[in-house]
Amino acid sequence: MADEDVKAELERLRAENERLKSQRGRGVSLKVSEKGGVSVYGLGRFPVTLYKEQWAKLLAVADEIRAFIKEHDSELKTKPEA
């Protein structure tokens, strides 16, 4: 690689690194995965990735999930804030 190419790549990586650092505190974000799924970032250490049909099924039972969580609140743990 030419010296200029290396410098350009380094600058691109630095800019990307800064962009990723600034996203950390933003909460939840969405991205299309390499395999065409929807990835949700910001819930835990790793993204949650499902295909659109799976998201549709999950969203269709969102009220049931909320009711289940409310019903079992005393049994469920809450992750402490970091």
PDB file of N, CA and C in Angstrom:
ATOM      1  N   MET A   1       0.834  -1.191   0.000  1.00  0.00           N
ATOM      2  CA  MET A   1       0.000   0.000   0.000  1.00  0.00           C
ATOM      3  C   MET A   1       0.875   1.250   0.000  1.00  0.00           C
ATOM      4  N   ALA A   2       0.442   2.213  -0.734  1.00  0.00           N
ATOM      5  CA  ALA A   2       1.168   3.483  -0.752  1.00  0.00           C
ATOM      6  C   ALA A   2       0.961   4.180   0.585  1.00  0.00           C
ATOM      7  N   ASP A   3       1.910   5.032   0.923  1.00  0.00           N
ATOM      8  CA  ASP A   3       1.860   5.763   2.184  1.00  0.00           C
ATOM      9  C   ASP A   3       0.572   6.577   2.306  1.00  0.00           C
ATOM     10  N   GLU A   4       0.143   7.187   1.198  1.00  0.00           N
ATOM     11  CA  GLU A   4      -1.091   7.982   1.215  1.00  0.00           C
ATOM     12  C   GLU A   4      -2.314   7.098   1.471  1.00  0.00           C
ATOM     13  N   ASP A   5      -2.313   5.899   0.908  1.00  0.00           N
ATOM     14  CA  ASP A   5      -3.424   4.958   1.120  1.00  0.00           C
ATOM     15  C   ASP A   5      -3.515   4.538   2.580  1.00  0.00           C
ATOM     16  N   VAL A   6      -2.365   4.302   3.176  1.00  0.00           N
ATOM     17  CA  VAL A   6      -2.324   3.906   4.586  1.00  0.00           C
ATOM     18  C   VAL A   6      -2.852   5.044   5.457  1.00  0.00           C
ATOM     19  N   LYS A   7      -2.440   6.268   5.161  1.00  0.00           N
ATOM     20  CA  LYS A   7      -2.909   7.425   5.929  1.00  0.00           C
ATOM     21  C   LYS A   7      -4.414   7.621   5.766  1.00  0.00           C
ATOM     22  N   ALA A   8      -4.911   7.453   4.543  1.00  0.00           N
ATOM     23  CA  ALA A   8      -6.348   7.605   4.290  1.00  0.00           C
ATOM     24  C   ALA A   8      -7.141   6.536   5.043  1.00  0.00           C
ATOM     25  N   GLU A   9      -6.646   5.300   5.024  1.00  0.00           N
ATOM     26  CA  GLU A   9      -7.318   4.207   5.740  1.00  0.00           C
ATOM     27  C   GLU A   9      -7.292   4.454   7.241  1.00  0.00           C
ATOM     28  N   LEU A  10      -6.172   4.937   7.754  1.00  0.00           N
ATOM     29  CA  LEU A  10      -6.052   5.251   9.172  1.00  0.00           C
ATOM     30  C   LEU A  10      -7.051   6.328   9.568  1.00  0.00           C
ATOM     31  N   GLU A  11      -7.187   7.359   8.766  1.00  0.00           N
ATOM     32  CA  GLU A  11      -8.148   8.425   9.052  1.00  0.00           C
ATOM     33  C   GLU A  11      -9.581   7.893   9.014  1.00  0.00           C
ATOM     34  N   ARG A  12      -9.878   7.025   8.038  1.00  0.00           N
ATOM     35  CA  ARG A  12     -11.209   6.442   7.940  1.00  0.00           C
ATOM     36  C   ARG A  12     -11.525   5.611   9.182  1.00  0.00           C
ATOM     37  N   LEU A  13     -10.559   4.815   9.626  1.00  0.00           N
ATOM     38  CA  LEU A  13     -10.747   3.986  10.818  1.00  0.00           C
ATOM     39  C   LEU A  13     -10.892   4.835  12.076  1.00  0.00           C
ATOM     40  N   ARG A  14     -10.132   5.911  12.175  1.00  0.00           N
ATOM     41  CA  ARG A  14     -10.259   6.807  13.327  1.00  0.00           C
ATOM     42  C   ARG A  14     -11.648   7.441  13.367  1.00  0.00           C
ATOM     43  N   ALA A  15     -12.126   7.882  12.211  1.00  0.00           N
ATOM     44  CA  ALA A  15     -13.455   8.490  12.144  1.00  0.00           C
ATOM     45  C   ALA A  15     -14.532   7.471  12.510  1.00  0.00           C
ATOM     46  N   GLU A  16     -14.385   6.250  12.010  1.00  0.00           N
ATOM     47  CA  GLU A  16     -15.356   5.202  12.341  1.00  0.00           C
ATOM     48  C   GLU A  16     -15.322   4.876  13.825  1.00  0.00           C
ATOM     49  N   ASN A  17     -14.137   4.835  14.395  1.00  0.00           N
ATOM     50  CA  ASN A  17     -13.980   4.561  15.816  1.00  0.00           C
ATOM     51  C   ASN A  17     -14.667   5.638  16.656  1.00  0.00           C
ATOM     52  N   GLU A  18     -14.487   6.887  16.294  1.00  0.00           N
ATOM     53  CA  GLU A  18     -15.137   7.985  17.011  1.00  0.00           C
ATOM     54  C   GLU A  18     -16.654   7.899  16.890  1.00  0.00           C
ATOM     55  N   ARG A  19     -17.138   7.551  15.691  1.00  0.00           N
ATOM     56  CA  ARG A  19     -18.576   7.412  15.478  1.00  0.00           C
ATOM     57  C   ARG A  19     -19.135   6.297  16.354  1.00  0.00           C
ATOM     58  N   LEU A  20     -18.431   5.176  16.419  1.00  0.00           N
ATOM     59  CA  LEU A  20     -18.886   4.058  17.252  1.00  0.00           C
ATOM     60  C   LEU A  20     -18.849   4.400  18.732  1.00  0.00           C
ATOM     61  N   LYS A  21     -17.823   5.110  19.171  1.00  0.00           N
ATOM     62  CA  LYS A  21     -17.735   5.528  20.573  1.00  0.00           C
ATOM     63  C   LYS A  21     -18.903   6.435  20.943  1.00  0.00           C
ATOM     64  N   SER A  22     -19.262   7.333  20.035  1.00  0.00           N
ATOM     65  CA  SER A  22     -20.343   8.268  20.330  1.00  0.00           C
ATOM     66  C   SER A  22     -21.698   7.576  20.361  1.00  0.00           C
ATOM     67  N   GLN A  23     -21.818   6.422  19.727  1.00  0.00           N
ATOM     68  CA  GLN A  23     -23.085   5.684  19.708  1.00  0.00           C
ATOM     69  C   GLN A  23     -23.300   4.882  20.987  1.00  0.00           C
ATOM     70  N   ARG A  24     -22.267   4.621  21.733  1.00  0.00           N
ATOM     71  CA  ARG A  24     -22.364   3.761  22.919  1.00  0.00           C
ATOM     72  C   ARG A  24     -23.446   4.201  23.889  1.00  0.00           C
ATOM     73  N   GLY A  25     -23.474   5.469  24.201  1.00  0.00           N
ATOM     74  CA  GLY A  25     -24.404   5.963  25.186  1.00  0.00           C
ATOM     75  C   GLY A  25     -25.787   6.262  24.632  1.00  0.00           C
ATOM     76  N   ARG A  26     -26.007   6.039  23.371  1.00  0.00           N
ATOM     77  CA  ARG A  26     -27.246   6.420  22.726  1.00  0.00           C
ATOM     78  C   ARG A  26     -28.389   5.462  22.973  1.00  0.00           C
ATOM     79  N   GLY A  27     -28.113   4.292  23.458  1.00  0.00           N
ATOM     80  CA  GLY A  27     -29.197   3.350  23.663  1.00  0.00           C
ATOM     81  C   GLY A  27     -29.279   2.344  22.542  1.00  0.00           C
ATOM     82  N   VAL A  28     -30.479   2.137  22.055  1.00  0.00           N
ATOM     83  CA  VAL A  28     -30.740   1.083  21.090  1.00  0.00           C
ATOM     84  C   VAL A  28     -30.602   1.609  19.658  1.00  0.00           C
ATOM     85  N   SER A  29     -29.983   0.789  18.803  1.00  0.00           N
ATOM     86  CA  SER A  29     -29.886   1.136  17.388  1.00  0.00           C
ATOM     87  C   SER A  29     -30.155  -0.109  16.549  1.00  0.00           C
ATOM     88  N   LEU A  30     -30.533   0.109  15.298  1.00  0.00           N
ATOM     89  CA  LEU A  30     -30.883  -0.978  14.385  1.00  0.00           C
ATOM     90  C   LEU A  30     -29.952  -0.985  13.185  1.00  0.00           C
ATOM     91  N   LYS A  31     -29.750  -2.196  12.638  1.00  0.00           N
ATOM     92  CA  LYS A  31     -28.887  -2.340  11.476  1.00  0.00           C
ATOM     93  C   LYS A  31     -29.329  -3.586  10.715  1.00  0.00           C
ATOM     94  N   VAL A  32     -29.171  -3.577   9.402  1.00  0.00           N
ATOM     95  CA  VAL A  32     -29.411  -4.784   8.611  1.00  0.00           C
ATOM     96  C   VAL A  32     -28.136  -5.609   8.677  1.00  0.00           C
ATOM     97  N   SER A  33     -28.262  -6.869   9.081  1.00  0.00           N
ATOM     98  CA  SER A  33     -27.090  -7.724   9.216  1.00  0.00           C
ATOM     99  C   SER A  33     -26.585  -8.186   7.851  1.00  0.00           C
ATOM    100  N   GLU A  34     -25.413  -8.804   7.845  1.00  0.00           N
ATOM    101  CA  GLU A  34     -24.827  -9.315   6.606  1.00  0.00           C
ATOM    102  C   GLU A  34     -25.739 -10.336   5.928  1.00  0.00           C
ATOM    103  N   LYS A  35     -26.486 -11.082   6.729  1.00  0.00           N
ATOM    104  CA  LYS A  35     -27.354 -12.124   6.177  1.00  0.00           C
ATOM    105  C   LYS A  35     -28.781 -11.632   5.928  1.00  0.00           C
ATOM    106  N   GLY A  36     -29.019 -10.334   6.111  1.00  0.00           N
ATOM    107  CA  GLY A  36     -30.321  -9.775   5.793  1.00  0.00           C
ATOM    108  C   GLY A  36     -31.314  -9.755   6.936  1.00  0.00           C
ATOM    109  N   GLY A  37     -30.840  -9.955   8.142  1.00  0.00           N
ATOM    110  CA  GLY A  37     -31.711  -9.874   9.307  1.00  0.00           C
ATOM    111  C   GLY A  37     -31.684  -8.475   9.896  1.00  0.00           C
ATOM    112  N   VAL A  38     -32.516  -8.258  10.889  1.00  0.00           N
ATOM    113  CA  VAL A  38     -32.524  -6.979  11.606  1.00  0.00           C
ATOM    114  C   VAL A  38     -31.794  -7.187  12.925  1.00  0.00           C
ATOM    115  N   SER A  39     -30.724  -6.443  13.124  1.00  0.00           N
ATOM    116  CA  SER A  39     -29.937  -6.540  14.354  1.00  0.00           C
ATOM    117  C   SER A  39     -30.242  -5.343  15.233  1.00  0.00           C
ATOM    118  N   VAL A  40     -30.505  -5.622  16.511  1.00  0.00           N
ATOM    119  CA  VAL A  40     -30.752  -4.572  17.489  1.00  0.00           C
ATOM    120  C   VAL A  40     -29.531  -4.509  18.395  1.00  0.00           C
ATOM    121  N   TYR A  41     -28.897  -3.356  18.425  1.00  0.00           N
ATOM    122  CA  TYR A  41     -27.718  -3.131  19.253  1.00  0.00           C
ATOM    123  C   TYR A  41     -28.106  -2.305  20.471  1.00  0.00           C
ATOM    124  N   GLY A  42     -27.394  -2.513  21.575  1.00  0.00           N
ATOM    125  CA  GLY A  42     -27.600  -1.693  22.756  1.00  0.00           C
ATOM    126  C   GLY A  42     -28.389  -2.368  23.852  1.00  0.00           C
ATOM    127  N   LEU A  43     -28.784  -3.623  23.649  1.00  0.00           N
ATOM    128  CA  LEU A  43     -29.509  -4.348  24.694  1.00  0.00           C
ATOM    129  C   LEU A  43     -28.561  -5.094  25.622  1.00  0.00           C
ATOM    130  N   GLY A  44     -27.461  -5.519  25.095  1.00  0.00           N
ATOM    131  CA  GLY A  44     -26.484  -6.283  25.870  1.00  0.00           C
ATOM    132  C   GLY A  44     -25.150  -6.250  25.155  1.00  0.00           C
ATOM    133  N   ARG A  45     -24.314  -7.193  25.484  1.00  0.00           N
ATOM    134  CA  ARG A  45     -22.980  -7.225  24.899  1.00  0.00           C
ATOM    135  C   ARG A  45     -23.018  -7.521  23.399  1.00  0.00           C
ATOM    136  N   PHE A  46     -23.954  -8.380  23.004  1.00  0.00           N
ATOM    137  CA  PHE A  46     -24.068  -8.765  21.607  1.00  0.00           C
ATOM    138  C   PHE A  46     -25.403  -8.297  21.045  1.00  0.00           C
ATOM    139  N   PRO A  47     -25.467  -8.083  19.734  1.00  0.00           N
ATOM    140  CA  PRO A  47     -26.742  -7.675  19.139  1.00  0.00           C
ATOM    141  C   PRO A  47     -27.740  -8.829  19.130  1.00  0.00           C
ATOM    142  N   VAL A  48     -29.019  -8.482  19.086  1.00  0.00           N
ATOM    143  CA  VAL A  48     -30.087  -9.465  18.911  1.00  0.00           C
ATOM    144  C   VAL A  48     -30.471  -9.383  17.441  1.00  0.00           C
ATOM    145  N   THR A  49     -30.330 -10.501  16.717  1.00  0.00           N
ATOM    146  CA  THR A  49     -30.597 -10.505  15.287  1.00  0.00           C
ATOM    147  C   THR A  49     -31.658 -11.539  14.951  1.00  0.00           C
ATOM    148  N   LEU A  50     -32.710 -11.092  14.284  1.00  0.00           N
ATOM    149  CA  LEU A  50     -33.775 -11.965  13.818  1.00  0.00           C
ATOM    150  C   LEU A  50     -34.131 -11.556  12.390  1.00  0.00           C
ATOM    151  N   TYR A  51     -34.696 -12.503  11.638  1.00  0.00           N
ATOM    152  CA  TYR A  51     -35.199 -12.172  10.315  1.00  0.00           C
ATOM    153  C   TYR A  51     -36.531 -11.458  10.452  1.00  0.00           C
ATOM    154  N   LYS A  52     -36.961 -10.758   9.398  1.00  0.00           N
ATOM    155  CA  LYS A  52     -38.151  -9.916   9.491  1.00  0.00           C
ATOM    156  C   LYS A  52     -39.385 -10.708   9.896  1.00  0.00           C
ATOM    157  N   GLU A  53     -39.516 -11.964   9.454  1.00  0.00           N
ATOM    158  CA  GLU A  53     -40.663 -12.771   9.849  1.00  0.00           C
ATOM    159  C   GLU A  53     -40.658 -13.045  11.356  1.00  0.00           C
ATOM    160  N   GLN A  54     -39.464 -13.254  11.898  1.00  0.00           N
ATOM    161  CA  GLN A  54     -39.337 -13.504  13.330  1.00  0.00           C
ATOM    162  C   GLN A  54     -39.683 -12.250  14.122  1.00  0.00           C
ATOM    163  N   TRP A  55     -39.238 -11.072  13.649  1.00  0.00           N
ATOM    164  CA  TRP A  55     -39.586  -9.823  14.318  1.00  0.00           C
ATOM    165  C   TRP A  55     -41.086  -9.604  14.271  1.00  0.00           C
ATOM    166  N   ALA A  56     -41.703  -9.912  13.134  1.00  0.00           N
ATOM    167  CA  ALA A  56     -43.153  -9.738  13.008  1.00  0.00           C
ATOM    168  C   ALA A  56     -43.897 -10.618  14.010  1.00  0.00           C
ATOM    169  N   LYS A  57     -43.460 -11.874  14.168  1.00  0.00           N
ATOM    170  CA  LYS A  57     -44.080 -12.782  15.149  1.00  0.00           C
ATOM    171  C   LYS A  57     -43.902 -12.244  16.565  1.00  0.00           C
ATOM    172  N   LEU A  58     -42.697 -11.786  16.861  1.00  0.00           N
ATOM    173  CA  LEU A  58     -42.402 -11.274  18.195  1.00  0.00           C
ATOM    174  C   LEU A  58     -43.213 -10.014  18.492  1.00  0.00           C
ATOM    175  N   LEU A  59     -43.271  -9.111  17.539  1.00  0.00           N
ATOM    176  CA  LEU A  59     -44.026  -7.874  17.741  1.00  0.00           C
ATOM    177  C   LEU A  59     -45.526  -8.135  17.847  1.00  0.00           C
ATOM    178  N   ALA A  60     -46.002  -9.200  17.202  1.00  0.00           N
ATOM    179  CA  ALA A  60     -47.428  -9.538  17.269  1.00  0.00           C
ATOM    180  C   ALA A  60     -47.850  -9.964  18.673  1.00  0.00           C
ATOM    181  N   VAL A  61     -46.903 -10.460  19.456  1.00  0.00           N
ATOM    182  CA  VAL A  61     -47.220 -10.899  20.822  1.00  0.00           C
ATOM    183  C   VAL A  61     -46.625  -9.955  21.868  1.00  0.00           C
ATOM    184  N   ALA A  62     -46.335  -8.722  21.470  1.00  0.00           N
ATOM    185  CA  ALA A  62     -45.722  -7.754  22.381  1.00  0.00           C
ATOM    186  C   ALA A  62     -46.571  -7.528  23.630  1.00  0.00           C
ATOM    187  N   ASP A  63     -47.885  -7.436  23.464  1.00  0.00           N
ATOM    188  CA  ASP A  63     -48.761  -7.229  24.625  1.00  0.00           C
ATOM    189  C   ASP A  63     -48.715  -8.427  25.572  1.00  0.00           C
ATOM    190  N   GLU A  64     -48.633  -9.631  25.009  1.00  0.00           N
ATOM    191  CA  GLU A  64     -48.526 -10.840  25.837  1.00  0.00           C
ATOM    192  C   GLU A  64     -47.204 -10.858  26.603  1.00  0.00           C
ATOM    193  N   ILE A  65     -46.147 -10.422  25.958  1.00  0.00           N
ATOM    194  CA  ILE A  65     -44.839 -10.369  26.619  1.00  0.00           C
ATOM    195  C   ILE A  65     -44.882  -9.370  27.772  1.00  0.00           C
ATOM    196  N   ARG A  66     -45.470  -8.208  27.528  1.00  0.00           N
ATOM    197  CA  ARG A  66     -45.590  -7.205  28.597  1.00  0.00           C
ATOM    198  C   ARG A  66     -46.407  -7.746  29.772  1.00  0.00           C
ATOM    199  N   ALA A  67     -47.515  -8.425  29.471  1.00  0.00           N
ATOM    200  CA  ALA A  67     -48.360  -8.987  30.528  1.00  0.00           C
ATOM    201  C   ALA A  67     -47.604 -10.071  31.296  1.00  0.00           C
ATOM    202  N   PHE A  68     -46.855 -10.901  30.588  1.00  0.00           N
ATOM    203  CA  PHE A  68     -46.077 -11.962  31.232  1.00  0.00           C
ATOM    204  C   PHE A  68     -45.039 -11.354  32.175  1.00  0.00           C
ATOM    205  N   ILE A  69     -44.345 -10.329  31.707  1.00  0.00           N
ATOM    206  CA  ILE A  69     -43.328  -9.669  32.538  1.00  0.00           C
ATOM    207  C   ILE A  69     -43.975  -9.056  33.779  1.00  0.00           C
ATOM    208  N   LYS A  70     -45.114  -8.423  33.599  1.00  0.00           N
ATOM    209  CA  LYS A  70     -45.809  -7.816  34.733  1.00  0.00           C
ATOM    210  C   LYS A  70     -46.258  -8.884  35.725  1.00  0.00           C
ATOM    211  N   GLU A  71     -46.800  -9.991  35.207  1.00  0.00           N
ATOM    212  CA  GLU A  71     -47.285 -11.082  36.052  1.00  0.00           C
ATOM    213  C   GLU A  71     -46.156 -11.753  36.834  1.00  0.00           C
ATOM    214  N   HIS A  72     -44.984 -11.835  36.238  1.00  0.00           N
ATOM    215  CA  HIS A  72     -43.855 -12.538  36.860  1.00  0.00           C
ATOM    216  C   HIS A  72     -42.781 -11.579  37.359  1.00  0.00           C
ATOM    217  N   ASP A  73     -43.162 -10.335  37.586  1.00  0.00           N
ATOM    218  CA  ASP A  73     -42.206  -9.304  37.975  1.00  0.00           C
ATOM    219  C   ASP A  73     -41.356  -9.691  39.187  1.00  0.00           C
ATOM    220  N   SER A  74     -41.985 -10.298  40.172  1.00  0.00           N
ATOM    221  CA  SER A  74     -41.238 -10.639  41.404  1.00  0.00           C
ATOM    222  C   SER A  74     -40.223 -11.748  41.178  1.00  0.00           C
ATOM    223  N   GLU A  75     -40.392 -12.536  40.132  1.00  0.00           N
ATOM    224  CA  GLU A  75     -39.475 -13.635  39.842  1.00  0.00           C
ATOM    225  C   GLU A  75     -38.327 -13.200  38.932  1.00  0.00           C
ATOM    226  N   LEU A  76     -38.487 -12.092  38.246  1.00  0.00           N
ATOM    227  CA  LEU A  76     -37.522 -11.664  37.251  1.00  0.00           C
ATOM    228  C   LEU A  76     -36.483 -10.746  37.862  1.00  0.00           C
ATOM    229  N   LYS A  77     -35.276 -10.875  37.342  1.00  0.00           N
ATOM    230  CA  LYS A  77     -34.175 -10.036  37.786  1.00  0.00           C
ATOM    231  C   LYS A  77     -34.024  -8.847  36.863  1.00  0.00           C
ATOM    232  N   THR A  78     -33.493  -7.773  37.420  1.00  0.00           N
ATOM    233  CA  THR A  78     -33.187  -6.578  36.656  1.00  0.00           C
ATOM    234  C   THR A  78     -31.687  -6.412  36.594  1.00  0.00           C
ATOM    235  N   LYS A  79     -31.181  -6.200  35.399  1.00  0.00           N
ATOM    236  CA  LYS A  79     -29.737  -6.022  35.232  1.00  0.00           C
ATOM    237  C   LYS A  79     -29.363  -4.651  35.790  1.00  0.00           C
ATOM    238  N   PRO A  80     -28.362  -4.607  36.679  1.00  0.00           N
ATOM    239  CA  PRO A  80     -27.949  -3.310  37.242  1.00  0.00           C
ATOM    240  C   PRO A  80     -27.342  -2.433  36.157  1.00  0.00           C
ATOM    241  N   GLU A  81     -27.545  -1.131  36.277  1.00  0.00           N
ATOM    242  CA  GLU A  81     -26.976  -0.176  35.330  1.00  0.00           C
ATOM    243  C   GLU A  81     -25.461  -0.162  35.491  1.00  0.00           C
ATOM    244  N   ALA A  82     -24.775  -0.067  34.367  1.00  0.00           N
ATOM    245  CA  ALA A  82     -23.305  -0.074  34.408  1.00  0.00           C
ATOM    246  C   ALA A  82     -22.746   1.283  34.717  1.00  0.00           C
TER     247      ALA A  82
END
